[in-house]
């Protein structure tokens, strides 16, 4: 049953670089990265799209907390397993890359389902829109996945997910992963609101009901500034 955990670990698309615990909040991971990025966003525009933390809002306070979720959910601080990354997910990381970001992982019950929230700041609404459109194009073009995570071989597919329009613009995808006798389902939603992109990933063994994720996205969006 560890397969879902390592399957989720391959999908943190909003940032690359080293993470560190945010001050006073060990359950949230904040990142400020100066690394360059290659994607469908031209390299000449990367610098203007990637602000440093100077002038950025405090993103950790915008994350959902346990009190925002139904009973039975808790923060998941378990370490992520090493994994190879499918090419289209690598391209997605580049496209959605944010130098200022934060994230938090949750677990329902003792094992499943699992839920991750990530927020990236891009300095302006136009920059966030450019990154959103680039990332959406990458994921829309991605149809199949194959990778190894935690010693488990995964194959799978990715397709558009019907999801309500929220924020300035919304993208949603369903990923189905097969690990032999186990099927893992992941729903991924990216929402732009002003200068920020928010990604939420909800995963479970077998099938996924989009209802809980819709509720989580609605609550998470309300915590982002206008």
Foldseek 3Di string as FASTA:
>chain_A
DCVQQQVVVQAPQQADDDWDADPPGNQKIKAADDDQFDAPPDSVCRVLQEDGCVPPDDCVQLDDAPVLADPQKHWDPDDHWDKDYFPLSSNSSRLNHYNTKMKTKMAGHPHDDIKMKMKGFGPWQVSNVRSVVRNLVSQQPFFKDWIATPNFTKIWTKHFDDADADAPGKGKMWIWIDGDPWIKIKIWMWHDHTRMIMIMIIMDIDDDDCVSVNSNVVSSVVSDDD
